[in-house]
Amino acid sequence: MWSKTATGLFPGLLLTVSILLNLFYLLPWAQDTKLLTGLLFGFVAWGGIMSWCYSLKNAWQSLRVLFPLLILSALLNFWMMS
């Protein structure tokens, strides 16, 4: 149970933040709108990732999906910011 919690907390949070950075870099909204939307959507998305991690048998199953997505999203962040 603790391994599922740790998997949802740390890689799940990093993935959520990384995806939101990619999304909000492309959207032409005002900064305050991006901030409010990011807070609301980020909490819901992170909760969804946490729930998904708990629904699997063990933490390794979720890590096999979360880490490739995190690496892909981080590379996209790096490419868009440079």
PDB file of N, CA and C in Angstrom:
ATOM      1  N   MET A   1       0.814  -1.197   0.000  1.00  0.00           N
ATOM      2  CA  MET A   1       0.000   0.000   0.000  1.00  0.00           C
ATOM      3  C   MET A   1       0.855   1.258   0.000  1.00  0.00           C
ATOM      4  N   TRP A   2       1.958   1.253   0.780  1.00  0.00           N
ATOM      5  CA  TRP A   2       2.815   2.428   0.820  1.00  0.00           C
ATOM      6  C   TRP A   2       3.509   2.645  -0.519  1.00  0.00           C
ATOM      7  N   SER A   3       3.834   1.563  -1.206  1.00  0.00           N
ATOM      8  CA  SER A   3       4.492   1.720  -2.500  1.00  0.00           C
ATOM      9  C   SER A   3       3.544   2.330  -3.530  1.00  0.00           C
ATOM     10  N   LYS A   4       2.280   1.963  -3.466  1.00  0.00           N
ATOM     11  CA  LYS A   4       1.295   2.580  -4.373  1.00  0.00           C
ATOM     12  C   LYS A   4       1.120   4.057  -4.055  1.00  0.00           C
ATOM     13  N   THR A   5       1.125   4.391  -2.772  1.00  0.00           N
ATOM     14  CA  THR A   5       1.002   5.791  -2.370  1.00  0.00           C
ATOM     15  C   THR A   5       2.195   6.601  -2.849  1.00  0.00           C
ATOM     16  N   ALA A   6       3.393   6.076  -2.655  1.00  0.00           N
ATOM     17  CA  ALA A   6       4.595   6.783  -3.094  1.00  0.00           C
ATOM     18  C   ALA A   6       4.631   6.924  -4.610  1.00  0.00           C
ATOM     19  N   THR A   7       4.177   5.907  -5.321  1.00  0.00           N
ATOM     20  CA  THR A   7       4.142   5.978  -6.781  1.00  0.00           C
ATOM     21  C   THR A   7       3.159   7.035  -7.251  1.00  0.00           C
ATOM     22  N   GLY A   8       2.042   7.117  -6.618  1.00  0.00           N
ATOM     23  CA  GLY A   8       1.072   8.141  -7.008  1.00  0.00           C
ATOM     24  C   GLY A   8       1.489   9.537  -6.600  1.00  0.00           C
ATOM     25  N   LEU A   9       2.161   9.650  -5.468  1.00  0.00           N
ATOM     26  CA  LEU A   9       2.559  10.970  -4.981  1.00  0.00           C
ATOM     27  C   LEU A   9       3.663  11.593  -5.822  1.00  0.00           C
ATOM     28  N   PHE A  10       4.775  10.906  -5.950  1.00  0.00           N
ATOM     29  CA  PHE A  10       5.941  11.543  -6.553  1.00  0.00           C
ATOM     30  C   PHE A  10       5.949  11.496  -8.082  1.00  0.00           C
ATOM     31  N   PRO A  11       5.986  10.328  -8.723  1.00  0.00           N
ATOM     32  CA  PRO A  11       5.940  10.356 -10.193  1.00  0.00           C
ATOM     33  C   PRO A  11       4.602  10.884 -10.723  1.00  0.00           C
ATOM     34  N   GLY A  12       3.528  10.635  -9.986  1.00  0.00           N
ATOM     35  CA  GLY A  12       2.225  11.143 -10.419  1.00  0.00           C
ATOM     36  C   GLY A  12       2.150  12.656 -10.391  1.00  0.00           C
ATOM     37  N   LEU A  13       2.698  13.253  -9.339  1.00  0.00           N
ATOM     38  CA  LEU A  13       2.730  14.712  -9.250  1.00  0.00           C
ATOM     39  C   LEU A  13       3.628  15.305 -10.324  1.00  0.00           C
ATOM     40  N   LEU A  14       4.800  14.714 -10.522  1.00  0.00           N
ATOM     41  CA  LEU A  14       5.702  15.214 -11.559  1.00  0.00           C
ATOM     42  C   LEU A  14       5.078  15.115 -12.948  1.00  0.00           C
ATOM     43  N   LEU A  15       4.384  14.019 -13.209  1.00  0.00           N
ATOM     44  CA  LEU A  15       3.727  13.863 -14.503  1.00  0.00           C
ATOM     45  C   LEU A  15       2.618  14.893 -14.679  1.00  0.00           C
ATOM     46  N   THR A  16       1.845  15.118 -13.658  1.00  0.00           N
ATOM     47  CA  THR A  16       0.768  16.104 -13.742  1.00  0.00           C
ATOM     48  C   THR A  16       1.313  17.503 -14.012  1.00  0.00           C
ATOM     49  N   VAL A  17       2.346  17.883 -13.288  1.00  0.00           N
ATOM     50  CA  VAL A  17       2.941  19.210 -13.476  1.00  0.00           C
ATOM     51  C   VAL A  17       3.552  19.329 -14.870  1.00  0.00           C
ATOM     52  N   SER A  18       4.215  18.293 -15.323  1.00  0.00           N
ATOM     53  CA  SER A  18       4.849  18.323 -16.636  1.00  0.00           C
ATOM     54  C   SER A  18       3.819  18.434 -17.755  1.00  0.00           C
ATOM     55  N   ILE A  19       2.740  17.708 -17.647  1.00  0.00           N
ATOM     56  CA  ILE A  19       1.686  17.780 -18.673  1.00  0.00           C
ATOM     57  C   ILE A  19       1.031  19.157 -18.662  1.00  0.00           C
ATOM     58  N   LEU A  20       0.797  19.700 -17.470  1.00  0.00           N
ATOM     59  CA  LEU A  20       0.208  21.040 -17.391  1.00  0.00           C
ATOM     60  C   LEU A  20       1.146  22.101 -17.958  1.00  0.00           C
ATOM     61  N   LEU A  21       2.452  21.960 -17.741  1.00  0.00           N
ATOM     62  CA  LEU A  21       3.403  22.895 -18.346  1.00  0.00           C
ATOM     63  C   LEU A  21       3.333  22.847 -19.864  1.00  0.00           C
ATOM     64  N   ASN A  22       3.266  21.647 -20.414  1.00  0.00           N
ATOM     65  CA  ASN A  22       3.149  21.513 -21.872  1.00  0.00           C
ATOM     66  C   ASN A  22       1.863  22.148 -22.379  1.00  0.00           C
ATOM     67  N   LEU A  23       0.784  21.870 -21.696  1.00  0.00           N
ATOM     68  CA  LEU A  23      -0.514  22.375 -22.136  1.00  0.00           C
ATOM     69  C   LEU A  23      -0.583  23.891 -22.051  1.00  0.00           C
ATOM     70  N   PHE A  24      -0.143  24.453 -20.948  1.00  0.00           N
ATOM     71  CA  PHE A  24      -0.283  25.897 -20.754  1.00  0.00           C
ATOM     72  C   PHE A  24       0.771  26.701 -21.493  1.00  0.00           C
ATOM     73  N   TYR A  25       1.822  26.054 -21.937  1.00  0.00           N
ATOM     74  CA  TYR A  25       2.767  26.766 -22.795  1.00  0.00           C
ATOM     75  C   TYR A  25       2.149  27.042 -24.163  1.00  0.00           C
ATOM     76  N   LEU A  26       1.251  26.165 -24.588  1.00  0.00           N
ATOM     77  CA  LEU A  26       0.635  26.299 -25.912  1.00  0.00           C
ATOM     78  C   LEU A  26      -0.638  27.134 -25.916  1.00  0.00           C
ATOM     79  N   LEU A  27      -1.314  27.252 -24.774  1.00  0.00           N
ATOM     80  CA  LEU A  27      -2.582  27.976 -24.734  1.00  0.00           C
ATOM     81  C   LEU A  27      -2.363  29.485 -24.663  1.00  0.00           C
ATOM     82  N   PRO A  28      -3.137  30.249 -25.428  1.00  0.00           N
ATOM     83  CA  PRO A  28      -2.958  31.710 -25.443  1.00  0.00           C
ATOM     84  C   PRO A  28      -3.825  32.428 -24.413  1.00  0.00           C
ATOM     85  N   TRP A  29      -3.899  31.916 -23.199  1.00  0.00           N
ATOM     86  CA  TRP A  29      -4.719  32.529 -22.167  1.00  0.00           C
ATOM     87  C   TRP A  29      -3.890  33.499 -21.337  1.00  0.00           C
ATOM     88  N   ALA A  30      -4.573  34.320 -20.572  1.00  0.00           N
ATOM     89  CA  ALA A  30      -3.886  35.207 -19.625  1.00  0.00           C
ATOM     90  C   ALA A  30      -3.292  34.370 -18.494  1.00  0.00           C
ATOM     91  N   GLN A  31      -2.278  34.906 -17.863  1.00  0.00           N
ATOM     92  CA  GLN A  31      -1.560  34.146 -16.848  1.00  0.00           C
ATOM     93  C   GLN A  31      -2.428  33.798 -15.637  1.00  0.00           C
ATOM     94  N   ASP A  32      -3.312  34.694 -15.236  1.00  0.00           N
ATOM     95  CA  ASP A  32      -4.169  34.384 -14.087  1.00  0.00           C
ATOM     96  C   ASP A  32      -5.166  33.280 -14.416  1.00  0.00           C
ATOM     97  N   THR A  33      -5.643  33.244 -15.649  1.00  0.00           N
ATOM     98  CA  THR A  33      -6.547  32.177 -16.072  1.00  0.00           C
ATOM     99  C   THR A  33      -5.820  30.833 -16.103  1.00  0.00           C
ATOM    100  N   LYS A  34      -4.591  30.842 -16.594  1.00  0.00           N
ATOM    101  CA  LYS A  34      -3.792  29.611 -16.611  1.00  0.00           C
ATOM    102  C   LYS A  34      -3.544  29.106 -15.195  1.00  0.00           C
ATOM    103  N   LEU A  35      -3.276  30.017 -14.287  1.00  0.00           N
ATOM    104  CA  LEU A  35      -2.997  29.629 -12.907  1.00  0.00           C
ATOM    105  C   LEU A  35      -4.214  28.996 -12.240  1.00  0.00           C
ATOM    106  N   LEU A  36      -5.361  29.611 -12.372  1.00  0.00           N
ATOM    107  CA  LEU A  36      -6.573  29.067 -11.766  1.00  0.00           C
ATOM    108  C   LEU A  36      -6.952  27.726 -12.398  1.00  0.00           C
ATOM    109  N   THR A  37      -6.895  27.667 -13.720  1.00  0.00           N
ATOM    110  CA  THR A  37      -7.222  26.414 -14.407  1.00  0.00           C
ATOM    111  C   THR A  37      -6.226  25.327 -14.035  1.00  0.00           C
ATOM    112  N   GLY A  38      -4.947  25.685 -13.936  1.00  0.00           N
ATOM    113  CA  GLY A  38      -3.936  24.707 -13.560  1.00  0.00           C
ATOM    114  C   GLY A  38      -4.140  24.171 -12.165  1.00  0.00           C
ATOM    115  N   LEU A  39      -4.515  25.038 -11.227  1.00  0.00           N
ATOM    116  CA  LEU A  39      -4.775  24.575  -9.867  1.00  0.00           C
ATOM    117  C   LEU A  39      -5.960  23.618  -9.818  1.00  0.00           C
ATOM    118  N   LEU A  40      -7.021  23.970 -10.517  1.00  0.00           N
ATOM    119  CA  LEU A  40      -8.216  23.117 -10.500  1.00  0.00           C
ATOM    120  C   LEU A  40      -7.980  21.805 -11.251  1.00  0.00           C
ATOM    121  N   PHE A  41      -7.455  21.899 -12.461  1.00  0.00           N
ATOM    122  CA  PHE A  41      -7.251  20.700 -13.265  1.00  0.00           C
ATOM    123  C   PHE A  41      -6.139  19.835 -12.696  1.00  0.00           C
ATOM    124  N   GLY A  42      -5.096  20.470 -12.167  1.00  0.00           N
ATOM    125  CA  GLY A  42      -3.977  19.714 -11.620  1.00  0.00           C
ATOM    126  C   GLY A  42      -4.381  18.859 -10.440  1.00  0.00           C
ATOM    127  N   PHE A  43      -5.204  19.397  -9.568  1.00  0.00           N
ATOM    128  CA  PHE A  43      -5.658  18.627  -8.415  1.00  0.00           C
ATOM    129  C   PHE A  43      -6.504  17.436  -8.863  1.00  0.00           C
ATOM    130  N   VAL A  44      -7.388  17.651  -9.813  1.00  0.00           N
ATOM    131  CA  VAL A  44      -8.246  16.564 -10.310  1.00  0.00           C
ATOM    132  C   VAL A  44      -7.412  15.510 -11.037  1.00  0.00           C
ATOM    133  N   ALA A  45      -6.471  15.955 -11.868  1.00  0.00           N
ATOM    134  CA  ALA A  45      -5.635  15.010 -12.616  1.00  0.00           C
ATOM    135  C   ALA A  45      -4.748  14.204 -11.668  1.00  0.00           C
ATOM    136  N   TRP A  46      -4.175  14.865 -10.681  1.00  0.00           N
ATOM    137  CA  TRP A  46      -3.326  14.160  -9.723  1.00  0.00           C
ATOM    138  C   TRP A  46      -4.153  13.157  -8.914  1.00  0.00           C
ATOM    139  N   GLY A  47      -5.356  13.523  -8.536  1.00  0.00           N
ATOM    140  CA  GLY A  47      -6.251  12.583  -7.857  1.00  0.00           C
ATOM    141  C   GLY A  47      -6.594  11.391  -8.728  1.00  0.00           C
ATOM    142  N   GLY A  48      -6.772  11.643 -10.006  1.00  0.00           N
ATOM    143  CA  GLY A  48      -7.039  10.544 -10.937  1.00  0.00           C
ATOM    144  C   GLY A  48      -5.856   9.604 -11.068  1.00  0.00           C
ATOM    145  N   ILE A  49      -4.656  10.159 -11.125  1.00  0.00           N
ATOM    146  CA  ILE A  49      -3.458   9.318 -11.203  1.00  0.00           C
ATOM    147  C   ILE A  49      -3.291   8.519  -9.914  1.00  0.00           C
ATOM    148  N   MET A  50      -3.533   9.168  -8.770  1.00  0.00           N
ATOM    149  CA  MET A  50      -3.449   8.447  -7.497  1.00  0.00           C
ATOM    150  C   MET A  50      -4.455   7.291  -7.445  1.00  0.00           C
ATOM    151  N   SER A  51      -5.675   7.546  -7.871  1.00  0.00           N
ATOM    152  CA  SER A  51      -6.695   6.489  -7.871  1.00  0.00           C
ATOM    153  C   SER A  51      -6.320   5.364  -8.812  1.00  0.00           C
ATOM    154  N   TRP A  52      -5.763   5.721  -9.965  1.00  0.00           N
ATOM    155  CA  TRP A  52      -5.352   4.710 -10.928  1.00  0.00           C
ATOM    156  C   TRP A  52      -4.231   3.848 -10.353  1.00  0.00           C
ATOM    157  N   CYS A  53      -3.289   4.469  -9.632  1.00  0.00           N
ATOM    158  CA  CYS A  53      -2.195   3.707  -9.014  1.00  0.00           C
ATOM    159  C   CYS A  53      -2.733   2.722  -7.975  1.00  0.00           C
ATOM    160  N   TYR A  54      -3.745   3.124  -7.221  1.00  0.00           N
ATOM    161  CA  TYR A  54      -4.340   2.227  -6.227  1.00  0.00           C
ATOM    162  C   TYR A  54      -5.135   1.094  -6.871  1.00  0.00           C
ATOM    163  N   SER A  55      -5.609   1.289  -8.080  1.00  0.00           N
ATOM    164  CA  SER A  55      -6.445   0.257  -8.701  1.00  0.00           C
ATOM    165  C   SER A  55      -5.633  -0.901  -9.271  1.00  0.00           C
ATOM    166  N   LEU A  56      -4.329  -0.742  -9.404  1.00  0.00           N
ATOM    167  CA  LEU A  56      -3.496  -1.809  -9.950  1.00  0.00           C
ATOM    168  C   LEU A  56      -3.015  -2.746  -8.844  1.00  0.00           C
ATOM    169  N   LYS A  57      -2.500  -3.908  -9.267  1.00  0.00           N
ATOM    170  CA  LYS A  57      -2.059  -4.905  -8.297  1.00  0.00           C
ATOM    171  C   LYS A  57      -0.879  -4.440  -7.462  1.00  0.00           C
ATOM    172  N   ASN A  58       0.125  -3.852  -8.134  1.00  0.00           N
ATOM    173  CA  ASN A  58       1.308  -3.385  -7.406  1.00  0.00           C
ATOM    174  C   ASN A  58       1.821  -2.097  -8.040  1.00  0.00           C
ATOM    175  N   ALA A  59       2.803  -1.507  -7.388  1.00  0.00           N
ATOM    176  CA  ALA A  59       3.314  -0.206  -7.836  1.00  0.00           C
ATOM    177  C   ALA A  59       4.116  -0.327  -9.123  1.00  0.00           C
ATOM    178  N   TRP A  60       4.707  -1.469  -9.370  1.00  0.00           N
ATOM    179  CA  TRP A  60       5.527  -1.614 -10.577  1.00  0.00           C
ATOM    180  C   TRP A  60       4.704  -1.504 -11.842  1.00  0.00           C
ATOM    181  N   GLN A  61       3.479  -1.946 -11.807  1.00  0.00           N
ATOM    182  CA  GLN A  61       2.614  -1.818 -12.987  1.00  0.00           C
ATOM    183  C   GLN A  61       2.369  -0.358 -13.325  1.00  0.00           C
ATOM    184  N   SER A  62       2.149   0.458 -12.313  1.00  0.00           N
ATOM    185  CA  SER A  62       1.920   1.874 -12.582  1.00  0.00           C
ATOM    186  C   SER A  62       3.212   2.584 -12.974  1.00  0.00           C
ATOM    187  N   LEU A  63       4.338   2.173 -12.394  1.00  0.00           N
ATOM    188  CA  LEU A  63       5.612   2.790 -12.760  1.00  0.00           C
ATOM    189  C   LEU A  63       5.982   2.511 -14.214  1.00  0.00           C
ATOM    190  N   ARG A  64       5.613   1.337 -14.715  1.00  0.00           N
ATOM    191  CA  ARG A  64       5.889   1.014 -16.117  1.00  0.00           C
ATOM    192  C   ARG A  64       5.133   1.906 -17.084  1.00  0.00           C
ATOM    193  N   VAL A  65       4.051   2.500 -16.640  1.00  0.00           N
ATOM    194  CA  VAL A  65       3.302   3.436 -17.480  1.00  0.00           C
ATOM    195  C   VAL A  65       3.688   4.875 -17.176  1.00  0.00           C
ATOM    196  N   LEU A  66       3.849   5.205 -15.897  1.00  0.00           N
ATOM    197  CA  LEU A  66       4.112   6.595 -15.513  1.00  0.00           C
ATOM    198  C   LEU A  66       5.486   7.086 -15.959  1.00  0.00           C
ATOM    199  N   PHE A  67       6.526   6.265 -15.813  1.00  0.00           N
ATOM    200  CA  PHE A  67       7.862   6.744 -16.144  1.00  0.00           C
ATOM    201  C   PHE A  67       8.051   7.031 -17.634  1.00  0.00           C
ATOM    202  N   PRO A  68       7.605   6.167 -18.551  1.00  0.00           N
ATOM    203  CA  PRO A  68       7.734   6.552 -19.969  1.00  0.00           C
ATOM    204  C   PRO A  68       6.942   7.813 -20.314  1.00  0.00           C
ATOM    205  N   LEU A  69       5.750   7.968 -19.733  1.00  0.00           N
ATOM    206  CA  LEU A  69       4.981   9.185 -19.973  1.00  0.00           C
ATOM    207  C   LEU A  69       5.687  10.407 -19.403  1.00  0.00           C
ATOM    208  N   LEU A  70       6.279  10.252 -18.228  1.00  0.00           N
ATOM    209  CA  LEU A  70       7.005  11.355 -17.604  1.00  0.00           C
ATOM    210  C   LEU A  70       8.229  11.745 -18.424  1.00  0.00           C
ATOM    211  N   ILE A  71       8.964  10.773 -18.905  1.00  0.00           N
ATOM    212  CA  ILE A  71      10.138  11.065 -19.729  1.00  0.00           C
ATOM    213  C   ILE A  71       9.728  11.736 -21.030  1.00  0.00           C
ATOM    214  N   LEU A  72       8.683  11.250 -21.657  1.00  0.00           N
ATOM    215  CA  LEU A  72       8.195  11.857 -22.895  1.00  0.00           C
ATOM    216  C   LEU A  72       7.726  13.288 -22.666  1.00  0.00           C
ATOM    217  N   SER A  73       7.000  13.511 -21.607  1.00  0.00           N
ATOM    218  CA  SER A  73       6.508  14.849 -21.303  1.00  0.00           C
ATOM    219  C   SER A  73       7.652  15.788 -20.917  1.00  0.00           C
ATOM    220  N   ALA A  74       8.636  15.289 -20.180  1.00  0.00           N
ATOM    221  CA  ALA A  74       9.784  16.119 -19.815  1.00  0.00           C
ATOM    222  C   ALA A  74      10.609  16.483 -21.036  1.00  0.00           C
ATOM    223  N   LEU A  75      10.775  15.559 -21.960  1.00  0.00           N
ATOM    224  CA  LEU A  75      11.483  15.875 -23.206  1.00  0.00           C
ATOM    225  C   LEU A  75      10.724  16.914 -24.020  1.00  0.00           C
ATOM    226  N   LEU A  76       9.417  16.806 -24.032  1.00  0.00           N
ATOM    227  CA  LEU A  76       8.606  17.799 -24.730  1.00  0.00           C
ATOM    228  C   LEU A  76       8.712  19.157 -24.040  1.00  0.00           C
ATOM    229  N   ASN A  77       8.746  19.169 -22.709  1.00  0.00           N
ATOM    230  CA  ASN A  77       8.973  20.413 -21.965  1.00  0.00           C
ATOM    231  C   ASN A  77      10.300  21.038 -22.349  1.00  0.00           C
ATOM    232  N   PHE A  78      11.339  20.227 -22.365  1.00  0.00           N
ATOM    233  CA  PHE A  78      12.668  20.729 -22.695  1.00  0.00           C
ATOM    234  C   PHE A  78      12.701  21.262 -24.118  1.00  0.00           C
ATOM    235  N   TRP A  79      12.066  20.570 -25.035  1.00  0.00           N
ATOM    236  CA  TRP A  79      12.071  20.992 -26.436  1.00  0.00           C
ATOM    237  C   TRP A  79      11.300  22.294 -26.629  1.00  0.00           C
ATOM    238  N   MET A  80      10.160  22.434 -25.955  1.00  0.00           N
ATOM    239  CA  MET A  80       9.360  23.637 -26.114  1.00  0.00           C
ATOM    240  C   MET A  80       9.961  24.846 -25.404  1.00  0.00           C
ATOM    241  N   MET A  81      10.652  24.635 -24.302  1.00  0.00           N
ATOM    242  CA  MET A  81      11.215  25.757 -23.555  1.00  0.00           C
ATOM    243  C   MET A  81      12.550  26.249 -24.120  1.00  0.00           C
ATOM    244  N   SER A  82      13.201  25.408 -24.920  1.00  0.00           N
ATOM    245  CA  SER A  82      14.497  25.850 -25.467  1.00  0.00           C
ATOM    246  C   SER A  82      14.370  26.433 -26.855  1.00  0.00           C
TER     247      SER A  82
END
